[in-house]
Amino acid sequence: MQKIISCCVLAATVSLSMIQVGCVTRGQDFSSDINWVQKSKTTQPEVEKYLGAPTSVGNSGGVPTWTYGYYDYRLFGDSKTKELKFYWGPDSKVQDFSFNSSFPEDRRRLILKPIAK
């Protein structure tokens, strides 16, 4: 019985802490300026030097991918996310990339002036 009460108290404490804080952040924030990325020129070591280790790695139709993500989830208010995904060619250079963001400053910038690849 004591063990059950201890677990309930712990669960309640964690729940109250989450409500008080009301947010969860995952990933490392990174600059939204991606003008330094060039298809068929930018290499994996250059990306890693600039951004560090990717948040996740994957494969899209046989093409290796690296994703850099910053996710700021809020219980109250607007959650914000941004992702920069690299698609790698066989020469370990950027074959393609995509950038998506819900941060208001990025939305204003990208809607007014789309980034040319």
N, C-alpha and C. Protein backbone atom coordinates (compact mmCIF):
# COMPACT_ATOMS: atom_id res chain seq x y z
N MET A 1 0.82 -1.19 0.00
CA MET A 1 0.00 0.00 0.00
C MET A 1 0.87 1.26 0.00
N GLN A 2 1.92 1.23 0.80
CA GLN A 2 2.84 2.37 0.89
C GLN A 2 3.46 2.65 -0.48
N LYS A 3 3.79 1.58 -1.21
CA LYS A 3 4.40 1.72 -2.53
C LYS A 3 3.42 2.39 -3.51
N ILE A 4 2.16 2.02 -3.46
CA ILE A 4 1.14 2.60 -4.32
C ILE A 4 0.98 4.09 -4.02
N ILE A 5 0.93 4.44 -2.76
CA ILE A 5 0.80 5.85 -2.36
C ILE A 5 2.01 6.64 -2.84
N SER A 6 3.21 6.07 -2.68
CA SER A 6 4.44 6.75 -3.13
C SER A 6 4.40 6.99 -4.64
N CYS A 7 3.94 6.01 -5.41
CA CYS A 7 3.84 6.16 -6.86
C CYS A 7 2.83 7.22 -7.24
N CYS A 8 1.70 7.26 -6.54
CA CYS A 8 0.67 8.26 -6.81
C CYS A 8 1.18 9.67 -6.50
N VAL A 9 1.89 9.82 -5.40
CA VAL A 9 2.45 11.13 -5.03
C VAL A 9 3.47 11.57 -6.08
N LEU A 10 4.32 10.65 -6.52
CA LEU A 10 5.32 10.96 -7.54
C LEU A 10 4.64 11.38 -8.85
N ALA A 11 3.63 10.63 -9.27
CA ALA A 11 2.91 10.95 -10.51
C ALA A 11 2.23 12.32 -10.40
N ALA A 12 1.64 12.61 -9.27
CA ALA A 12 0.98 13.91 -9.07
C ALA A 12 2.00 15.04 -9.10
N THR A 13 3.16 14.83 -8.48
CA THR A 13 4.21 15.85 -8.47
C THR A 13 4.71 16.13 -9.88
N VAL A 14 4.95 15.09 -10.66
CA VAL A 14 5.41 15.25 -12.04
C VAL A 14 4.35 15.98 -12.87
N SER A 15 3.10 15.59 -12.70
CA SER A 15 2.00 16.22 -13.44
C SER A 15 1.88 17.70 -13.11
N LEU A 16 1.96 18.04 -11.83
CA LEU A 16 1.89 19.44 -11.43
C LEU A 16 3.07 20.23 -11.96
N SER A 17 4.24 19.62 -11.96
CA SER A 17 5.43 20.30 -12.51
C SER A 17 5.25 20.61 -13.98
N MET A 18 4.69 19.66 -14.75
CA MET A 18 4.46 19.87 -16.18
C MET A 18 3.44 20.98 -16.41
N ILE A 19 2.41 21.03 -15.57
CA ILE A 19 1.40 22.08 -15.73
C ILE A 19 2.01 23.43 -15.40
N GLN A 20 2.83 23.51 -14.37
CA GLN A 20 3.47 24.77 -14.00
C GLN A 20 4.41 25.24 -15.10
N VAL A 21 5.25 24.34 -15.58
CA VAL A 21 6.20 24.69 -16.62
C VAL A 21 5.46 24.85 -17.94
N GLY A 22 4.66 23.86 -18.30
CA GLY A 22 3.81 23.94 -19.47
C GLY A 22 4.53 23.87 -20.80
N CYS A 23 5.78 23.44 -20.83
CA CYS A 23 6.46 23.35 -22.12
C CYS A 23 7.50 22.24 -22.10
N VAL A 24 7.77 21.74 -23.30
CA VAL A 24 8.81 20.73 -23.49
C VAL A 24 9.59 21.15 -24.73
N THR A 25 10.89 21.16 -24.61
CA THR A 25 11.75 21.54 -25.73
C THR A 25 12.62 20.35 -26.10
N ARG A 26 12.74 20.11 -27.41
CA ARG A 26 13.59 19.03 -27.90
C ARG A 26 14.45 19.57 -29.02
N GLY A 27 15.68 19.13 -29.08
CA GLY A 27 16.61 19.56 -30.12
C GLY A 27 17.35 20.82 -29.71
N GLN A 28 18.33 21.15 -30.52
CA GLN A 28 19.15 22.34 -30.29
C GLN A 28 18.70 23.43 -31.25
N ASP A 29 18.46 24.63 -30.73
CA ASP A 29 18.07 25.74 -31.60
C ASP A 29 19.21 26.03 -32.58
N PHE A 30 18.86 26.42 -33.78
CA PHE A 30 19.86 26.73 -34.80
C PHE A 30 19.40 27.92 -35.62
N SER A 31 20.33 28.56 -36.29
CA SER A 31 20.02 29.74 -37.10
C SER A 31 19.10 29.36 -38.26
N SER A 32 18.14 30.22 -38.53
CA SER A 32 17.23 30.01 -39.65
C SER A 32 17.83 30.49 -40.97
N ASP A 33 19.01 31.10 -40.90
CA ASP A 33 19.71 31.55 -42.11
C ASP A 33 20.38 30.34 -42.75
N ILE A 34 19.86 29.93 -43.90
CA ILE A 34 20.40 28.75 -44.58
C ILE A 34 21.06 29.11 -45.91
N ASN A 35 21.41 30.38 -46.07
CA ASN A 35 22.06 30.81 -47.31
C ASN A 35 23.42 30.17 -47.53
N TRP A 36 24.01 29.61 -46.51
CA TRP A 36 25.32 28.97 -46.63
C TRP A 36 25.23 27.58 -47.28
N VAL A 37 24.03 27.02 -47.36
CA VAL A 37 23.84 25.68 -47.93
C VAL A 37 23.76 25.78 -49.45
N GLN A 38 24.58 24.97 -50.14
CA GLN A 38 24.58 24.96 -51.60
C GLN A 38 24.49 23.52 -52.09
N LYS A 39 23.50 23.27 -52.95
CA LYS A 39 23.36 21.94 -53.53
C LYS A 39 24.62 21.56 -54.29
N SER A 40 25.00 20.31 -54.19
CA SER A 40 26.16 19.71 -54.88
C SER A 40 27.49 20.31 -54.45
N LYS A 41 27.51 21.16 -53.43
CA LYS A 41 28.76 21.76 -52.96
C LYS A 41 28.98 21.54 -51.46
N THR A 42 27.96 21.81 -50.65
CA THR A 42 28.10 21.69 -49.21
C THR A 42 28.25 20.22 -48.82
N THR A 43 29.25 19.91 -47.99
CA THR A 43 29.57 18.54 -47.62
C THR A 43 29.03 18.19 -46.22
N GLN A 44 28.98 16.91 -45.93
CA GLN A 44 28.56 16.45 -44.61
C GLN A 44 29.44 17.02 -43.49
N PRO A 45 30.78 16.99 -43.65
CA PRO A 45 31.61 17.58 -42.58
C PRO A 45 31.34 19.08 -42.38
N GLU A 46 31.04 19.80 -43.45
CA GLU A 46 30.73 21.24 -43.31
C GLU A 46 29.43 21.44 -42.53
N VAL A 47 28.42 20.63 -42.83
CA VAL A 47 27.14 20.73 -42.13
C VAL A 47 27.33 20.39 -40.66
N GLU A 48 28.08 19.32 -40.39
CA GLU A 48 28.31 18.91 -39.01
C GLU A 48 29.12 19.96 -38.24
N LYS A 49 30.06 20.60 -38.90
CA LYS A 49 30.84 21.66 -38.26
C LYS A 49 29.95 22.86 -37.92
N TYR A 50 29.04 23.18 -38.82
CA TYR A 50 28.17 24.35 -38.65
C TYR A 50 27.04 24.09 -37.66
N LEU A 51 26.43 22.89 -37.72
CA LEU A 51 25.24 22.61 -36.92
C LEU A 51 25.42 21.56 -35.82
N GLY A 52 26.52 20.83 -35.85
CA GLY A 52 26.71 19.75 -34.88
C GLY A 52 26.06 18.47 -35.38
N ALA A 53 25.85 17.54 -34.48
CA ALA A 53 25.25 16.25 -34.83
C ALA A 53 23.77 16.44 -35.15
N PRO A 54 23.25 15.70 -36.12
CA PRO A 54 21.83 15.83 -36.45
C PRO A 54 20.93 15.31 -35.33
N THR A 55 19.73 15.86 -35.27
CA THR A 55 18.73 15.40 -34.31
C THR A 55 18.30 13.98 -34.64
N SER A 56 18.16 13.70 -35.95
CA SER A 56 17.81 12.34 -36.39
C SER A 56 18.39 12.10 -37.78
N VAL A 57 18.54 10.84 -38.10
CA VAL A 57 19.01 10.44 -39.43
C VAL A 57 17.99 9.47 -40.00
N GLY A 58 17.97 9.37 -41.33
CA GLY A 58 16.99 8.47 -41.93
C GLY A 58 17.33 8.16 -43.38
N ASN A 59 16.31 7.73 -44.09
CA ASN A 59 16.46 7.33 -45.47
C ASN A 59 15.15 7.65 -46.19
N SER A 60 15.24 8.34 -47.31
CA SER A 60 14.06 8.70 -48.09
C SER A 60 14.21 8.14 -49.50
N GLY A 61 13.57 7.01 -49.74
CA GLY A 61 13.65 6.39 -51.06
C GLY A 61 15.06 6.01 -51.47
N GLY A 62 15.88 5.58 -50.51
CA GLY A 62 17.25 5.19 -50.80
C GLY A 62 18.25 6.31 -50.63
N VAL A 63 17.77 7.51 -50.33
CA VAL A 63 18.65 8.68 -50.15
C VAL A 63 18.83 8.93 -48.65
N PRO A 64 20.09 8.91 -48.16
CA PRO A 64 20.32 9.18 -46.74
C PRO A 64 19.89 10.61 -46.39
N THR A 65 19.31 10.77 -45.19
CA THR A 65 18.87 12.09 -44.73
C THR A 65 19.40 12.39 -43.33
N TRP A 66 19.62 13.66 -43.09
CA TRP A 66 19.91 14.17 -41.76
C TRP A 66 18.88 15.24 -41.47
N THR A 67 18.32 15.23 -40.27
CA THR A 67 17.36 16.24 -39.88
C THR A 67 17.85 16.96 -38.63
N TYR A 68 17.82 18.30 -38.71
CA TYR A 68 18.09 19.15 -37.57
C TYR A 68 16.76 19.76 -37.17
N GLY A 69 16.34 19.50 -35.95
CA GLY A 69 15.04 19.98 -35.52
C GLY A 69 15.11 20.69 -34.19
N TYR A 70 14.26 21.69 -34.05
CA TYR A 70 14.08 22.38 -32.78
C TYR A 70 12.58 22.45 -32.55
N TYR A 71 12.13 21.85 -31.45
CA TYR A 71 10.72 21.71 -31.18
C TYR A 71 10.42 22.30 -29.80
N ASP A 72 9.60 23.32 -29.77
CA ASP A 72 9.23 24.00 -28.53
C ASP A 72 7.73 23.84 -28.34
N TYR A 73 7.34 22.78 -27.63
CA TYR A 73 5.93 22.47 -27.42
C TYR A 73 5.44 23.13 -26.13
N ARG A 74 4.28 23.75 -26.20
CA ARG A 74 3.72 24.45 -25.04
C ARG A 74 2.32 23.94 -24.74
N LEU A 75 2.05 23.78 -23.46
CA LEU A 75 0.71 23.39 -23.02
C LEU A 75 -0.24 24.57 -23.19
N PHE A 76 0.25 25.77 -22.89
CA PHE A 76 -0.52 26.99 -23.05
C PHE A 76 0.21 27.88 -24.03
N GLY A 77 -0.47 28.45 -25.00
CA GLY A 77 0.17 29.30 -26.00
C GLY A 77 0.56 28.50 -27.22
N ASP A 78 1.23 29.17 -28.14
CA ASP A 78 1.59 28.56 -29.41
C ASP A 78 2.89 27.76 -29.31
N SER A 79 2.85 26.54 -29.80
CA SER A 79 4.06 25.74 -29.93
C SER A 79 4.77 26.18 -31.21
N LYS A 80 6.10 26.05 -31.22
CA LYS A 80 6.87 26.44 -32.39
C LYS A 80 7.87 25.34 -32.73
N THR A 81 8.05 25.12 -34.03
CA THR A 81 9.01 24.12 -34.48
C THR A 81 9.75 24.64 -35.70
N LYS A 82 10.95 24.11 -35.89
CA LYS A 82 11.65 24.33 -37.16
C LYS A 82 12.51 23.11 -37.45
N GLU A 83 12.60 22.80 -38.74
CA GLU A 83 13.37 21.65 -39.19
C GLU A 83 14.15 22.00 -40.45
N LEU A 84 15.38 21.52 -40.46
CA LEU A 84 16.23 21.62 -41.65
C LEU A 84 16.64 20.20 -42.00
N LYS A 85 16.23 19.75 -43.17
CA LYS A 85 16.50 18.36 -43.58
C LYS A 85 17.43 18.36 -44.79
N PHE A 86 18.48 17.55 -44.71
CA PHE A 86 19.43 17.39 -45.80
C PHE A 86 19.26 16.03 -46.44
N TYR A 87 19.26 16.00 -47.75
CA TYR A 87 19.24 14.77 -48.54
C TYR A 87 20.62 14.64 -49.17
N TRP A 88 21.31 13.53 -48.90
CA TRP A 88 22.71 13.38 -49.29
C TRP A 88 22.88 12.59 -50.58
N GLY A 89 23.76 13.10 -51.43
CA GLY A 89 24.13 12.39 -52.65
C GLY A 89 25.19 11.35 -52.34
N PRO A 90 25.52 10.49 -53.31
CA PRO A 90 26.52 9.45 -53.10
C PRO A 90 27.93 10.00 -52.83
N ASP A 91 28.14 11.27 -53.17
CA ASP A 91 29.44 11.92 -52.93
C ASP A 91 29.49 12.63 -51.57
N SER A 92 28.49 12.40 -50.71
CA SER A 92 28.38 13.02 -49.38
C SER A 92 28.24 14.54 -49.45
N LYS A 93 27.66 15.01 -50.56
CA LYS A 93 27.35 16.43 -50.70
C LYS A 93 25.83 16.59 -50.73
N VAL A 94 25.36 17.80 -50.39
CA VAL A 94 23.93 18.06 -50.34
C VAL A 94 23.32 17.85 -51.72
N GLN A 95 22.42 16.89 -51.81
CA GLN A 95 21.68 16.65 -53.05
C GLN A 95 20.47 17.58 -53.09
N ASP A 96 19.83 17.74 -51.92
CA ASP A 96 18.69 18.63 -51.78
C ASP A 96 18.52 18.92 -50.29
N PHE A 97 17.70 19.91 -49.97
CA PHE A 97 17.43 20.22 -48.57
C PHE A 97 16.09 20.92 -48.48
N SER A 98 15.52 20.92 -47.28
CA SER A 98 14.27 21.65 -47.05
C SER A 98 14.32 22.28 -45.67
N PHE A 99 13.67 23.42 -45.55
CA PHE A 99 13.59 24.14 -44.28
C PHE A 99 12.13 24.48 -44.04
N ASN A 100 11.64 24.15 -42.84
CA ASN A 100 10.27 24.46 -42.45
C ASN A 100 10.29 25.04 -41.05
N SER A 101 9.46 26.06 -40.83
CA SER A 101 9.42 26.69 -39.52
C SER A 101 8.03 27.27 -39.24
N SER A 102 7.64 27.20 -37.97
CA SER A 102 6.42 27.87 -37.55
C SER A 102 6.73 29.08 -36.67
N PHE A 103 8.02 29.42 -36.53
CA PHE A 103 8.40 30.61 -35.77
C PHE A 103 7.91 31.84 -36.54
N PRO A 104 7.24 32.78 -35.85
CA PRO A 104 6.67 33.94 -36.54
C PRO A 104 7.67 34.73 -37.39
N GLU A 105 8.89 34.92 -36.89
CA GLU A 105 9.89 35.68 -37.65
C GLU A 105 10.29 34.97 -38.94
N ASP A 106 10.36 33.64 -38.90
CA ASP A 106 10.68 32.87 -40.10
C ASP A 106 9.51 32.91 -41.09
N ARG A 107 8.31 32.78 -40.56
CA ARG A 107 7.12 32.81 -41.43
C ARG A 107 7.05 34.15 -42.18
N ARG A 108 7.26 35.25 -41.46
CA ARG A 108 7.23 36.56 -42.12
C ARG A 108 8.32 36.66 -43.19
N ARG A 109 9.51 36.23 -42.86
CA ARG A 109 10.64 36.33 -43.79
C ARG A 109 10.42 35.45 -45.02
N LEU A 110 9.98 34.22 -44.81
CA LEU A 110 9.84 33.29 -45.90
C LEU A 110 8.62 33.59 -46.78
N ILE A 111 7.57 34.13 -46.20
CA ILE A 111 6.40 34.49 -46.99
C ILE A 111 6.71 35.70 -47.86
N LEU A 112 7.45 36.66 -47.31
CA LEU A 112 7.78 37.86 -48.08
C LEU A 112 8.88 37.63 -49.10
N LYS A 113 9.85 36.77 -48.76
CA LYS A 113 10.98 36.55 -49.65
C LYS A 113 11.35 35.06 -49.61
N PRO A 114 10.76 34.23 -50.47
CA PRO A 114 11.11 32.81 -50.47
C PRO A 114 12.60 32.60 -50.75
N ILE A 115 13.16 31.55 -50.15
CA ILE A 115 14.58 31.24 -50.32
C ILE A 115 14.77 30.48 -51.64
N ALA A 116 15.66 31.00 -52.48
CA ALA A 116 15.98 30.31 -53.74
C ALA A 116 17.01 29.22 -53.45
N LYS A 117 16.85 28.08 -54.09
CA LYS A 117 17.80 26.97 -53.88
C LYS A 117 18.89 27.04 -54.90
